[in-house]
């Protein structure tokens, strides 16, 4: 069973190929991915490496956590499970709905309820 590792505090110049090369001495690297900004394509300074098994992943974590690469001390630990969230379309925004008034407006006595007006 493969183990996914989080690799943080990476120099922005580190490539996926270099990340793969850092972990290869510890065993089979199934994938090495640098996370990039979706608009600029620039590195966000962290990534994920998937190792073939727990023993190889532990060896990599023990040796590489805190190791300096391009003048930055890497953080290497087991990745937390990704939280799956629904990214349904639409929605989002500034609708206030039926929220009570916060008071302070004209006619408000600070009760937290909007005053009824008759026209």
PDB file of N, CA and C in Angstrom:
ATOM      1  N   UNK A   1       0.840  -1.185   0.000  1.00  0.00           N
ATOM      2  CA  UNK A   1       0.000   0.000   0.000  1.00  0.00           C
ATOM      3  C   UNK A   1       0.883   1.244   0.000  1.00  0.00           C
ATOM      4  N   UNK A   2       0.604   2.163  -0.904  1.00  0.00           N
ATOM      5  CA  UNK A   2       1.432   3.364  -1.014  1.00  0.00           C
ATOM      6  C   UNK A   2       1.111   4.357   0.105  1.00  0.00           C
ATOM      7  N   UNK A   3       2.095   5.222   0.387  1.00  0.00           N
ATOM      8  CA  UNK A   3       1.969   6.224   1.433  1.00  0.00           C
ATOM      9  C   UNK A   3       2.255   7.590   0.814  1.00  0.00           C
ATOM     10  N   UNK A   4       1.340   8.528   1.052  1.00  0.00           N
ATOM     11  CA  UNK A   4       1.495   9.872   0.508  1.00  0.00           C
ATOM     12  C   UNK A   4       2.153  10.762   1.556  1.00  0.00           C
ATOM     13  N   UNK A   5       3.201  11.471   1.137  1.00  0.00           N
ATOM     14  CA  UNK A   5       3.936  12.362   2.020  1.00  0.00           C
ATOM     15  C   UNK A   5       3.730  13.809   1.602  1.00  0.00           C
ATOM     16  N   UNK A   6       3.598  14.674   2.587  1.00  0.00           N
ATOM     17  CA  UNK A   6       3.551  16.117   2.362  1.00  0.00           C
ATOM     18  C   UNK A   6       4.984  16.623   2.438  1.00  0.00           C
ATOM     19  N   UNK A   7       5.368  17.466   1.487  1.00  0.00           N
ATOM     20  CA  UNK A   7       6.701  18.066   1.486  1.00  0.00           C
ATOM     21  C   UNK A   7       6.513  19.579   1.433  1.00  0.00           C
ATOM     22  N   UNK A   8       6.839  20.253   2.535  1.00  0.00           N
ATOM     23  CA  UNK A   8       6.618  21.693   2.617  1.00  0.00           C
ATOM     24  C   UNK A   8       7.896  22.484   2.744  1.00  0.00           C
ATOM     25  N   UNK A   9       7.735  23.786   2.694  1.00  0.00           N
ATOM     26  CA  UNK A   9       8.834  24.751   2.778  1.00  0.00           C
ATOM     27  C   UNK A   9       9.853  24.528   1.674  1.00  0.00           C
ATOM     28  N   UNK A  10       9.349  24.199   0.484  1.00  0.00           N
ATOM     29  CA  UNK A  10      10.224  24.003  -0.666  1.00  0.00           C
ATOM     30  C   UNK A  10      10.581  25.338  -1.300  1.00  0.00           C
ATOM     31  N   UNK A  11      11.776  25.401  -1.831  1.00  0.00           N
ATOM     32  CA  UNK A  11      12.162  26.553  -2.626  1.00  0.00           C
ATOM     33  C   UNK A  11      11.242  26.596  -3.848  1.00  0.00           C
ATOM     34  N   UNK A  12      10.880  27.775  -4.294  1.00  0.00           N
ATOM     35  CA  UNK A  12       9.980  27.917  -5.430  1.00  0.00           C
ATOM     36  C   UNK A  12      10.608  27.439  -6.733  1.00  0.00           C
ATOM     37  N   UNK A  13      11.928  27.231  -6.728  1.00  0.00           N
ATOM     38  CA  UNK A  13      12.623  26.780  -7.926  1.00  0.00           C
ATOM     39  C   UNK A  13      12.690  25.257  -8.054  1.00  0.00           C
ATOM     40  N   UNK A  14      12.323  24.516  -7.003  1.00  0.00           N
ATOM     41  CA  UNK A  14      12.393  23.053  -7.042  1.00  0.00           C
ATOM     42  C   UNK A  14      11.362  22.527  -8.041  1.00  0.00           C
ATOM     43  N   UNK A  15      11.811  21.612  -8.914  1.00  0.00           N
ATOM     44  CA  UNK A  15      10.925  21.026  -9.917  1.00  0.00           C
ATOM     45  C   UNK A  15      10.432  19.657  -9.442  1.00  0.00           C
ATOM     46  N   UNK A  16       9.424  19.141 -10.122  1.00  0.00           N
ATOM     47  CA  UNK A  16       8.916  17.814  -9.791  1.00  0.00           C
ATOM     48  C   UNK A  16       9.985  16.754 -10.010  1.00  0.00           C
ATOM     49  N   UNK A  17      10.797  16.934 -11.023  1.00  0.00           N
ATOM     50  CA  UNK A  17      11.885  15.994 -11.292  1.00  0.00           C
ATOM     51  C   UNK A  17      12.898  15.993 -10.147  1.00  0.00           C
ATOM     52  N   UNK A  18      13.251  17.175  -9.647  1.00  0.00           N
ATOM     53  CA  UNK A  18      14.190  17.266  -8.521  1.00  0.00           C
ATOM     54  C   UNK A  18      13.579  16.667  -7.253  1.00  0.00           C
ATOM     55  N   UNK A  19      12.282  16.896  -7.049  1.00  0.00           N
ATOM     56  CA  UNK A  19      11.596  16.334  -5.895  1.00  0.00           C
ATOM     57  C   UNK A  19      11.631  14.803  -5.966  1.00  0.00           C
ATOM     58  N   UNK A  20      11.368  14.271  -7.135  1.00  0.00           N
ATOM     59  CA  UNK A  20      11.430  12.829  -7.355  1.00  0.00           C
ATOM     60  C   UNK A  20      12.835  12.304  -7.041  1.00  0.00           C
ATOM     61  N   UNK A  21      13.857  13.009  -7.521  1.00  0.00           N
ATOM     62  CA  UNK A  21      15.250  12.593  -7.302  1.00  0.00           C
ATOM     63  C   UNK A  21      15.633  12.610  -5.820  1.00  0.00           C
ATOM     64  N   UNK A  22      15.064  13.520  -5.032  1.00  0.00           N
ATOM     65  CA  UNK A  22      15.361  13.577  -3.596  1.00  0.00           C
ATOM     66  C   UNK A  22      14.859  12.336  -2.865  1.00  0.00           C
ATOM     67  N   UNK A  23      13.731  11.785  -3.322  1.00  0.00           N
ATOM     68  CA  UNK A  23      13.103  10.668  -2.622  1.00  0.00           C
ATOM     69  C   UNK A  23      13.482   9.299  -3.180  1.00  0.00           C
ATOM     70  N   UNK A  24      14.002   9.241  -4.399  1.00  0.00           N
ATOM     71  CA  UNK A  24      14.349   7.969  -5.037  1.00  0.00           C
ATOM     72  C   UNK A  24      15.330   7.111  -4.238  1.00  0.00           C
ATOM     73  N   UNK A  25      16.347   7.680  -3.557  1.00  0.00           N
ATOM     74  CA  UNK A  25      17.265   6.826  -2.799  1.00  0.00           C
ATOM     75  C   UNK A  25      16.601   6.005  -1.689  1.00  0.00           C
ATOM     76  N   UNK A  26      15.376   6.374  -1.308  1.00  0.00           N
ATOM     77  CA  UNK A  26      14.698   5.684  -0.206  1.00  0.00           C
ATOM     78  C   UNK A  26      13.752   4.591  -0.679  1.00  0.00           C
ATOM     79  N   UNK A  27      13.518   4.523  -1.980  1.00  0.00           N
ATOM     80  CA  UNK A  27      12.636   3.488  -2.505  1.00  0.00           C
ATOM     81  C   UNK A  27      11.913   3.947  -3.755  1.00  0.00           C
ATOM     82  N   UNK A  28      10.844   3.253  -4.065  1.00  0.00           N
ATOM     83  CA  UNK A  28      10.072   3.529  -5.273  1.00  0.00           C
ATOM     84  C   UNK A  28       9.178   4.738  -5.071  1.00  0.00           C
ATOM     85  N   UNK A  29       9.386   5.730  -5.917  1.00  0.00           N
ATOM     86  CA  UNK A  29       8.538   6.926  -5.901  1.00  0.00           C
ATOM     87  C   UNK A  29       7.459   6.714  -6.949  1.00  0.00           C
ATOM     88  N   UNK A  30       6.225   6.609  -6.500  1.00  0.00           N
ATOM     89  CA  UNK A  30       5.120   6.408  -7.433  1.00  0.00           C
ATOM     90  C   UNK A  30       4.681   7.704  -8.088  1.00  0.00           C
ATOM     91  N   UNK A  31       4.807   8.812  -7.365  1.00  0.00           N
ATOM     92  CA  UNK A  31       4.511  10.122  -7.950  1.00  0.00           C
ATOM     93  C   UNK A  31       5.164  11.213  -7.107  1.00  0.00           C
ATOM     94  N   UNK A  32       5.500  12.300  -7.767  1.00  0.00           N
ATOM     95  CA  UNK A  32       6.045  13.484  -7.094  1.00  0.00           C
ATOM     96  C   UNK A  32       5.399  14.684  -7.768  1.00  0.00           C
ATOM     97  N   UNK A  33       4.724  15.492  -6.976  1.00  0.00           N
ATOM     98  CA  UNK A  33       3.967  16.604  -7.547  1.00  0.00           C
ATOM     99  C   UNK A  33       4.192  17.879  -6.752  1.00  0.00           C
ATOM    100  N   UNK A  34       4.525  18.948  -7.448  1.00  0.00           N
ATOM    101  CA  UNK A  34       4.635  20.286  -6.858  1.00  0.00           C
ATOM    102  C   UNK A  34       3.284  20.970  -7.085  1.00  0.00           C
ATOM    103  N   UNK A  35       2.734  21.569  -6.052  1.00  0.00           N
ATOM    104  CA  UNK A  35       1.458  22.280  -6.177  1.00  0.00           C
ATOM    105  C   UNK A  35       1.738  23.688  -6.696  1.00  0.00           C
ATOM    106  N   UNK A  36       0.989  24.062  -7.719  1.00  0.00           N
ATOM    107  CA  UNK A  36       1.192  25.363  -8.355  1.00  0.00           C
ATOM    108  C   UNK A  36      -0.069  26.204  -8.298  1.00  0.00           C
ATOM    109  N   UNK A  37       0.116  27.505  -8.390  1.00  0.00           N
ATOM    110  CA  UNK A  37      -0.996  28.441  -8.455  1.00  0.00           C
ATOM    111  C   UNK A  37      -1.710  28.251  -9.788  1.00  0.00           C
ATOM    112  N   UNK A  38      -3.036  28.131  -9.767  1.00  0.00           N
ATOM    113  CA  UNK A  38      -3.745  27.827 -11.007  1.00  0.00           C
ATOM    114  C   UNK A  38      -3.770  28.993 -11.994  1.00  0.00           C
ATOM    115  N   UNK A  39      -3.508  30.195 -11.527  1.00  0.00           N
ATOM    116  CA  UNK A  39      -3.520  31.337 -12.432  1.00  0.00           C
ATOM    117  C   UNK A  39      -2.140  31.648 -12.995  1.00  0.00           C
ATOM    118  N   UNK A  40      -1.110  31.598 -12.144  1.00  0.00           N
ATOM    119  CA  UNK A  40       0.230  31.970 -12.603  1.00  0.00           C
ATOM    120  C   UNK A  40       1.081  30.773 -12.985  1.00  0.00           C
ATOM    121  N   UNK A  41       0.756  29.594 -12.461  1.00  0.00           N
ATOM    122  CA  UNK A  41       1.573  28.413 -12.723  1.00  0.00           C
ATOM    123  C   UNK A  41       2.807  28.340 -11.840  1.00  0.00           C
ATOM    124  N   UNK A  42       2.997  29.323 -10.962  1.00  0.00           N
ATOM    125  CA  UNK A  42       4.157  29.333 -10.075  1.00  0.00           C
ATOM    126  C   UNK A  42       3.963  28.363  -8.915  1.00  0.00           C
ATOM    127  N   UNK A  43       5.073  27.823  -8.426  1.00  0.00           N
ATOM    128  CA  UNK A  43       5.038  26.910  -7.290  1.00  0.00           C
ATOM    129  C   UNK A  43       4.485  27.607  -6.065  1.00  0.00           C
ATOM    130  N   UNK A  44       3.736  26.851  -5.245  1.00  0.00           N
ATOM    131  CA  UNK A  44       3.247  27.375  -3.973  1.00  0.00           C
ATOM    132  C   UNK A  44       4.188  27.020  -2.831  1.00  0.00           C
ATOM    133  N   UNK A  45       5.288  26.312  -3.142  1.00  0.00           N
ATOM    134  CA  UNK A  45       6.285  26.010  -2.115  1.00  0.00           C
ATOM    135  C   UNK A  45       6.027  24.718  -1.352  1.00  0.00           C
ATOM    136  N   UNK A  46       5.123  23.879  -1.865  1.00  0.00           N
ATOM    137  CA  UNK A  46       4.912  22.577  -1.246  1.00  0.00           C
ATOM    138  C   UNK A  46       4.460  21.586  -2.306  1.00  0.00           C
ATOM    139  N   UNK A  47       4.514  20.311  -1.927  1.00  0.00           N
ATOM    140  CA  UNK A  47       4.114  19.271  -2.866  1.00  0.00           C
ATOM    141  C   UNK A  47       3.827  17.978  -2.143  1.00  0.00           C
ATOM    142  N   UNK A  48       3.629  16.926  -2.919  1.00  0.00           N
ATOM    143  CA  UNK A  48       3.325  15.613  -2.376  1.00  0.00           C
ATOM    144  C   UNK A  48       4.137  14.565  -3.106  1.00  0.00           C
ATOM    145  N   UNK A  49       4.615  13.581  -2.348  1.00  0.00           N
ATOM    146  CA  UNK A  49       5.351  12.460  -2.910  1.00  0.00           C
ATOM    147  C   UNK A  49       4.656  11.192  -2.437  1.00  0.00           C
ATOM    148  N   UNK A  50       4.418  10.286  -3.361  1.00  0.00           N
ATOM    149  CA  UNK A  50       3.800   9.018  -3.000  1.00  0.00           C
ATOM    150  C   UNK A  50       4.858   7.928  -3.100  1.00  0.00           C
ATOM    151  N   UNK A  51       5.111   7.276  -1.956  1.00  0.00           N
ATOM    152  CA  UNK A  51       6.098   6.202  -1.877  1.00  0.00           C
ATOM    153  C   UNK A  51       5.374   4.857  -1.924  1.00  0.00           C
ATOM    154  N   UNK A  52       6.073   3.818  -2.385  1.00  0.00           N
ATOM    155  CA  UNK A  52       5.460   2.514  -2.612  1.00  0.00           C
ATOM    156  C   UNK A  52       4.981   1.837  -1.330  1.00  0.00           C
ATOM    157  N   UNK A  53       5.704   2.016  -0.215  1.00  0.00           N
ATOM    158  CA  UNK A  53       5.276   1.348   1.020  1.00  0.00           C
ATOM    159  C   UNK A  53       5.689   2.157   2.245  1.00  0.00           C
ATOM    160  N   UNK A  54       5.180   1.758   3.389  1.00  0.00           N
ATOM    161  CA  UNK A  54       5.389   2.489   4.640  1.00  0.00           C
ATOM    162  C   UNK A  54       6.862   2.538   5.046  1.00  0.00           C
ATOM    163  N   UNK A  55       7.605   1.447   4.885  1.00  0.00           N
ATOM    164  CA  UNK A  55       9.016   1.419   5.298  1.00  0.00           C
ATOM    165  C   UNK A  55       9.830   2.462   4.523  1.00  0.00           C
ATOM    166  N   UNK A  56       9.601   2.518   3.211  1.00  0.00           N
ATOM    167  CA  UNK A  56      10.309   3.497   2.378  1.00  0.00           C
ATOM    168  C   UNK A  56       9.900   4.924   2.753  1.00  0.00           C
ATOM    169  N   UNK A  57       8.615   5.128   2.999  1.00  0.00           N
ATOM    170  CA  UNK A  57       8.121   6.453   3.376  1.00  0.00           C
ATOM    171  C   UNK A  57       8.718   6.891   4.707  1.00  0.00           C
ATOM    172  N   UNK A  58       8.779   5.973   5.685  1.00  0.00           N
ATOM    173  CA  UNK A  58       9.367   6.309   6.986  1.00  0.00           C
ATOM    174  C   UNK A  58      10.840   6.652   6.859  1.00  0.00           C
ATOM    175  N   UNK A  59      11.564   5.898   6.042  1.00  0.00           N
ATOM    176  CA  UNK A  59      12.992   6.182   5.840  1.00  0.00           C
ATOM    177  C   UNK A  59      13.181   7.573   5.222  1.00  0.00           C
ATOM    178  N   UNK A  60      12.346   7.909   4.249  1.00  0.00           N
ATOM    179  CA  UNK A  60      12.425   9.228   3.610  1.00  0.00           C
ATOM    180  C   UNK A  60      12.096  10.335   4.592  1.00  0.00           C
ATOM    181  N   UNK A  61      11.025  10.138   5.398  1.00  0.00           N
ATOM    182  CA  UNK A  61      10.648  11.159   6.386  1.00  0.00           C
ATOM    183  C   UNK A  61      11.771  11.384   7.395  1.00  0.00           C
ATOM    184  N   UNK A  62      12.336  10.296   7.903  1.00  0.00           N
ATOM    185  CA  UNK A  62      13.390  10.403   8.918  1.00  0.00           C
ATOM    186  C   UNK A  62      14.630  11.120   8.396  1.00  0.00           C
ATOM    187  N   UNK A  63      14.973  10.881   7.148  1.00  0.00           N
ATOM    188  CA  UNK A  63      16.206  11.467   6.613  1.00  0.00           C
ATOM    189  C   UNK A  63      16.008  12.860   6.013  1.00  0.00           C
ATOM    190  N   UNK A  64      14.860  13.100   5.406  1.00  0.00           N
ATOM    191  CA  UNK A  64      14.676  14.357   4.669  1.00  0.00           C
ATOM    192  C   UNK A  64      13.994  15.468   5.457  1.00  0.00           C
ATOM    193  N   UNK A  65      13.264  15.143   6.510  1.00  0.00           N
ATOM    194  CA  UNK A  65      12.613  16.196   7.296  1.00  0.00           C
ATOM    195  C   UNK A  65      13.687  17.085   7.924  1.00  0.00           C
ATOM    196  N   UNK A  66      13.653  18.356   7.607  1.00  0.00           N
ATOM    197  CA  UNK A  66      14.636  19.306   8.123  1.00  0.00           C
ATOM    198  C   UNK A  66      15.860  19.468   7.236  1.00  0.00           C
ATOM    199  N   UNK A  67      15.991  18.639   6.202  1.00  0.00           N
ATOM    200  CA  UNK A  67      17.140  18.741   5.292  1.00  0.00           C
ATOM    201  C   UNK A  67      17.038  20.036   4.484  1.00  0.00           C
ATOM    202  N   UNK A  68      18.161  20.713   4.345  1.00  0.00           N
ATOM    203  CA  UNK A  68      18.191  21.979   3.612  1.00  0.00           C
ATOM    204  C   UNK A  68      18.386  21.723   2.118  1.00  0.00           C
ATOM    205  N   UNK A  69      17.470  22.259   1.335  1.00  0.00           N
ATOM    206  CA  UNK A  69      17.544  22.193  -0.120  1.00  0.00           C
ATOM    207  C   UNK A  69      17.312  23.604  -0.638  1.00  0.00           C
ATOM    208  N   UNK A  70      18.264  24.118  -1.397  1.00  0.00           N
ATOM    209  CA  UNK A  70      18.191  25.499  -1.913  1.00  0.00           C
ATOM    210  C   UNK A  70      17.962  26.507  -0.785  1.00  0.00           C
ATOM    211  N   UNK A  71      18.716  26.348   0.302  1.00  0.00           N
ATOM    212  CA  UNK A  71      18.675  27.256   1.461  1.00  0.00           C
ATOM    213  C   UNK A  71      17.349  27.262   2.220  1.00  0.00           C
ATOM    214  N   UNK A  72      16.565  26.178   2.101  1.00  0.00           N
ATOM    215  CA  UNK A  72      15.311  26.071   2.846  1.00  0.00           C
ATOM    216  C   UNK A  72      15.231  24.692   3.485  1.00  0.00           C
ATOM    217  N   UNK A  73      14.862  24.665   4.769  1.00  0.00           N
ATOM    218  CA  UNK A  73      14.723  23.390   5.482  1.00  0.00           C
ATOM    219  C   UNK A  73      13.365  22.777   5.163  1.00  0.00           C
ATOM    220  N   UNK A  74      13.382  21.647   4.474  1.00  0.00           N
ATOM    221  CA  UNK A  74      12.134  20.984   4.079  1.00  0.00           C
ATOM    222  C   UNK A  74      11.391  20.429   5.289  1.00  0.00           C
ATOM    223  N   UNK A  75      10.085  20.388   5.172  1.00  0.00           N
ATOM    224  CA  UNK A  75       9.227  19.724   6.145  1.00  0.00           C
ATOM    225  C   UNK A  75       8.658  18.509   5.426  1.00  0.00           C
ATOM    226  N   UNK A  76       8.897  17.319   5.980  1.00  0.00           N
ATOM    227  CA  UNK A  76       8.386  16.098   5.358  1.00  0.00           C
ATOM    228  C   UNK A  76       7.631  15.299   6.413  1.00  0.00           C
ATOM    229  N   UNK A  77       6.357  15.059   6.156  1.00  0.00           N
ATOM    230  CA  UNK A  77       5.571  14.207   7.044  1.00  0.00           C
ATOM    231  C   UNK A  77       4.447  13.551   6.257  1.00  0.00           C
ATOM    232  N   UNK A  78       3.766  12.624   6.904  1.00  0.00           N
ATOM    233  CA  UNK A  78       2.694  11.926   6.210  1.00  0.00           C
ATOM    234  C   UNK A  78       1.554  12.896   5.937  1.00  0.00           C
ATOM    235  N   UNK A  79       1.061  12.844   4.710  1.00  0.00           N
ATOM    236  CA  UNK A  79      -0.022  13.743   4.312  1.00  0.00           C
ATOM    237  C   UNK A  79      -1.312  13.351   5.018  1.00  0.00           C
ATOM    238  N   UNK A  80      -2.067  14.348   5.417  1.00  0.00           N
ATOM    239  CA  UNK A  80      -3.383  14.100   5.999  1.00  0.00           C
ATOM    240  C   UNK A  80      -4.359  13.775   4.879  1.00  0.00           C
ATOM    241  N   UNK A  81      -5.376  12.977   5.160  1.00  0.00           N
ATOM    242  CA  UNK A  81      -6.358  12.650   4.117  1.00  0.00           C
ATOM    243  C   UNK A  81      -7.024  13.923   3.597  1.00  0.00           C
ATOM    244  N   UNK A  82      -7.240  13.941   2.296  1.00  0.00           N
ATOM    245  CA  UNK A  82      -7.884  15.091   1.678  1.00  0.00           C
ATOM    246  C   UNK A  82      -9.355  15.104   2.053  1.00  0.00           C
ATOM    247  N   UNK A  83      -9.828  16.266   2.447  1.00  0.00           N
ATOM    248  CA  UNK A  83     -11.240  16.413   2.794  1.00  0.00           C
ATOM    249  C   UNK A  83     -12.001  16.655   1.504  1.00  0.00           C
ATOM    250  N   UNK A  84     -12.921  15.762   1.220  1.00  0.00           N
ATOM    251  CA  UNK A  84     -13.728  15.889   0.002  1.00  0.00           C
ATOM    252  C   UNK A  84     -14.886  16.828   0.281  1.00  0.00           C
ATOM    253  N   UNK A  85     -14.929  17.911  -0.455  1.00  0.00           N
ATOM    254  CA  UNK A  85     -16.038  18.846  -0.307  1.00  0.00           C
ATOM    255  C   UNK A  85     -16.745  18.983  -1.635  1.00  0.00           C
ATOM    256  N   UNK A  86     -18.022  19.195  -1.569  1.00  0.00           N
ATOM    257  CA  UNK A  86     -18.804  19.398  -2.769  1.00  0.00           C
ATOM    258  C   UNK A  86     -18.531  20.800  -3.286  1.00  0.00           C
ATOM    259  N   UNK A  87     -18.194  20.870  -4.532  1.00  0.00           N
ATOM    260  CA  UNK A  87     -17.975  22.176  -5.142  1.00  0.00           C
ATOM    261  C   UNK A  87     -19.063  22.410  -6.178  1.00  0.00           C
ATOM    262  N   UNK A  88     -20.297  22.364  -5.696  1.00  0.00           N
ATOM    263  CA  UNK A  88     -21.437  22.563  -6.577  1.00  0.00           C
ATOM    264  C   UNK A  88     -21.413  23.940  -7.208  1.00  0.00           C
ATOM    265  N   UNK A  89     -22.097  24.078  -8.280  1.00  0.00           N
ATOM    266  CA  UNK A  89     -22.094  25.339  -9.006  1.00  0.00           C
ATOM    267  C   UNK A  89     -22.926  26.409  -8.335  1.00  0.00           C
ATOM    268  N   UNK A  90     -22.736  27.614  -8.785  1.00  0.00           N
ATOM    269  CA  UNK A  90     -23.540  28.743  -8.349  1.00  0.00           C
ATOM    270  C   UNK A  90     -23.371  29.088  -6.888  1.00  0.00           C
ATOM    271  N   UNK A  91     -24.360  29.791  -6.404  1.00  0.00           N
ATOM    272  CA  UNK A  91     -24.356  30.151  -4.995  1.00  0.00           C
ATOM    273  C   UNK A  91     -23.258  31.123  -4.662  1.00  0.00           C
ATOM    274  N   UNK A  92     -22.923  31.149  -3.430  1.00  0.00           N
ATOM    275  CA  UNK A  92     -21.866  32.039  -2.986  1.00  0.00           C
ATOM    276  C   UNK A  92     -22.281  33.480  -3.169  1.00  0.00           C
ATOM    277  N   UNK A  93     -21.970  34.284  -2.262  1.00  0.00           N
ATOM    278  CA  UNK A  93     -22.286  35.662  -2.525  1.00  0.00           C
ATOM    279  C   UNK A  93     -22.744  36.410  -1.310  1.00  0.00           C
ATOM    280  N   UNK A  94     -23.460  37.438  -1.596  1.00  0.00           N
ATOM    281  CA  UNK A  94     -23.697  38.435  -0.579  1.00  0.00           C
ATOM    282  C   UNK A  94     -25.156  38.564  -0.186  1.00  0.00           C
ATOM    283  N   UNK A  95     -25.945  37.559  -0.387  1.00  0.00           N
ATOM    284  CA  UNK A  95     -27.347  37.623  -0.007  1.00  0.00           C
ATOM    285  C   UNK A  95     -27.481  37.696   1.503  1.00  0.00           C
ATOM    286  N   UNK A  96     -28.304  38.580   1.978  1.00  0.00           N
ATOM    287  CA  UNK A  96     -28.479  38.724   3.410  1.00  0.00           C
ATOM    288  C   UNK A  96     -29.633  37.907   3.938  1.00  0.00           C
ATOM    289  N   UNK A  97     -30.569  37.588   3.057  1.00  0.00           N
ATOM    290  CA  UNK A  97     -31.712  36.810   3.488  1.00  0.00           C
ATOM    291  C   UNK A  97     -32.525  37.553   4.531  1.00  0.00           C
ATOM    292  N   UNK A  98     -33.031  36.830   5.509  1.00  0.00           N
ATOM    293  CA  UNK A  98     -33.882  37.415   6.531  1.00  0.00           C
ATOM    294  C   UNK A  98     -33.118  37.655   7.822  1.00  0.00           C
ATOM    295  N   UNK A  99     -31.960  38.166   7.718  1.00  0.00           N
ATOM    296  CA  UNK A  99     -31.170  38.403   8.918  1.00  0.00           C
ATOM    297  C   UNK A  99     -31.697  39.630   9.645  1.00  0.00           C
ATOM    298  N   UNK A 100     -31.740  39.568  10.964  1.00  0.00           N
ATOM    299  CA  UNK A 100     -32.233  40.720  11.714  1.00  0.00           C
ATOM    300  C   UNK A 100     -31.262  41.893  11.639  1.00  0.00           C
ATOM    301  N   UNK A 101     -31.830  43.067  11.801  1.00  0.00           N
ATOM    302  CA  UNK A 101     -31.032  44.281  11.801  1.00  0.00           C
ATOM    303  C   UNK A 101     -30.107  44.291  13.018  1.00  0.00           C
ATOM    304  N   UNK A 102     -28.993  44.935  12.894  1.00  0.00           N
ATOM    305  CA  UNK A 102     -28.054  45.055  14.009  1.00  0.00           C
ATOM    306  C   UNK A 102     -28.316  46.310  14.841  1.00  0.00           C
ATOM    307  N   UNK A 103     -29.351  47.001  14.520  1.00  0.00           N
ATOM    308  CA  UNK A 103     -29.666  48.212  15.284  1.00  0.00           C
ATOM    309  C   UNK A 103     -28.853  49.392  14.793  1.00  0.00           C
ATOM    310  N   UNK A 104     -29.107  50.532  15.323  1.00  0.00           N
ATOM    311  CA  UNK A 104     -28.340  51.726  14.982  1.00  0.00           C
ATOM    312  C   UNK A 104     -28.952  52.529  13.850  1.00  0.00           C
ATOM    313  N   UNK A 105     -29.859  51.957  13.081  1.00  0.00           N
ATOM    314  CA  UNK A 105     -30.483  52.680  11.992  1.00  0.00           C
ATOM    315  C   UNK A 105     -31.627  53.530  12.507  1.00  0.00           C
ATOM    316  N   UNK A 106     -32.255  54.303  11.626  1.00  0.00           N
ATOM    317  CA  UNK A 106     -33.348  55.148  12.077  1.00  0.00           C
ATOM    318  C   UNK A 106     -34.531  54.292  12.497  1.00  0.00           C
ATOM    319  N   UNK A 107     -35.122  54.630  13.575  1.00  0.00           N
ATOM    320  CA  UNK A 107     -36.280  53.923  14.075  1.00  0.00           C
ATOM    321  C   UNK A 107     -35.943  52.672  14.871  1.00  0.00           C
ATOM    322  N   UNK A 108     -34.699  52.322  14.963  1.00  0.00           N
ATOM    323  CA  UNK A 108     -34.326  51.121  15.704  1.00  0.00           C
ATOM    324  C   UNK A 108     -34.121  51.471  17.166  1.00  0.00           C
ATOM    325  N   UNK A 109     -34.623  50.629  18.020  1.00  0.00           N
ATOM    326  CA  UNK A 109     -34.439  50.854  19.443  1.00  0.00           C
ATOM    327  C   UNK A 109     -33.420  49.892  20.016  1.00  0.00           C
ATOM    328  N   UNK A 110     -32.619  49.284  19.131  1.00  0.00           N
ATOM    329  CA  UNK A 110     -31.579  48.386  19.595  1.00  0.00           C
ATOM    330  C   UNK A 110     -32.083  47.014  19.984  1.00  0.00           C
ATOM    331  N   UNK A 111     -33.314  46.668  19.582  1.00  0.00           N
ATOM    332  CA  UNK A 111     -33.865  45.373  19.964  1.00  0.00           C
ATOM    333  C   UNK A 111     -33.324  44.248  19.104  1.00  0.00           C
ATOM    334  N   UNK A 112     -32.645  44.589  18.021  1.00  0.00           N
ATOM    335  CA  UNK A 112     -32.133  43.563  17.133  1.00  0.00           C
ATOM    336  C   UNK A 112     -33.140  43.140  16.075  1.00  0.00           C
ATOM    337  N   UNK A 113     -34.343  43.728  16.143  1.00  0.00           N
ATOM    338  CA  UNK A 113     -35.362  43.403  15.156  1.00  0.00           C
ATOM    339  C   UNK A 113     -35.645  44.634  14.314  1.00  0.00           C
ATOM    340  N   UNK A 114     -35.895  44.415  13.028  1.00  0.00           N
ATOM    341  CA  UNK A 114     -36.227  45.585  12.197  1.00  0.00           C
ATOM    342  C   UNK A 114     -37.586  46.146  12.597  1.00  0.00           C
ATOM    343  N   UNK A 115     -37.727  47.435  12.540  1.00  0.00           N
ATOM    344  CA  UNK A 115     -38.983  48.095  12.875  1.00  0.00           C
ATOM    345  C   UNK A 115     -39.916  48.031  11.690  1.00  0.00           C
ATOM    346  N   UNK A 116     -41.188  47.793  11.937  1.00  0.00           N
ATOM    347  CA  UNK A 116     -42.178  47.801  10.848  1.00  0.00           C
ATOM    348  C   UNK A 116     -42.562  49.232  10.568  1.00  0.00           C
ATOM    349  N   UNK A 117     -42.706  49.491   9.326  1.00  0.00           N
ATOM    350  CA  UNK A 117     -43.154  50.825   8.917  1.00  0.00           C
ATOM    351  C   UNK A 117     -44.448  50.700   8.173  1.00  0.00           C
ATOM    352  N   UNK A 118     -45.330  51.594   8.418  1.00  0.00           N
ATOM    353  CA  UNK A 118     -46.570  51.605   7.638  1.00  0.00           C
ATOM    354  C   UNK A 118     -46.501  52.832   6.718  1.00  0.00           C
ATOM    355  N   UNK A 119     -46.821  52.593   5.491  1.00  0.00           N
ATOM    356  CA  UNK A 119     -46.736  53.673   4.498  1.00  0.00           C
ATOM    357  C   UNK A 119     -48.082  54.111   4.055  1.00  0.00           C
TER     358      UNK A 119
END
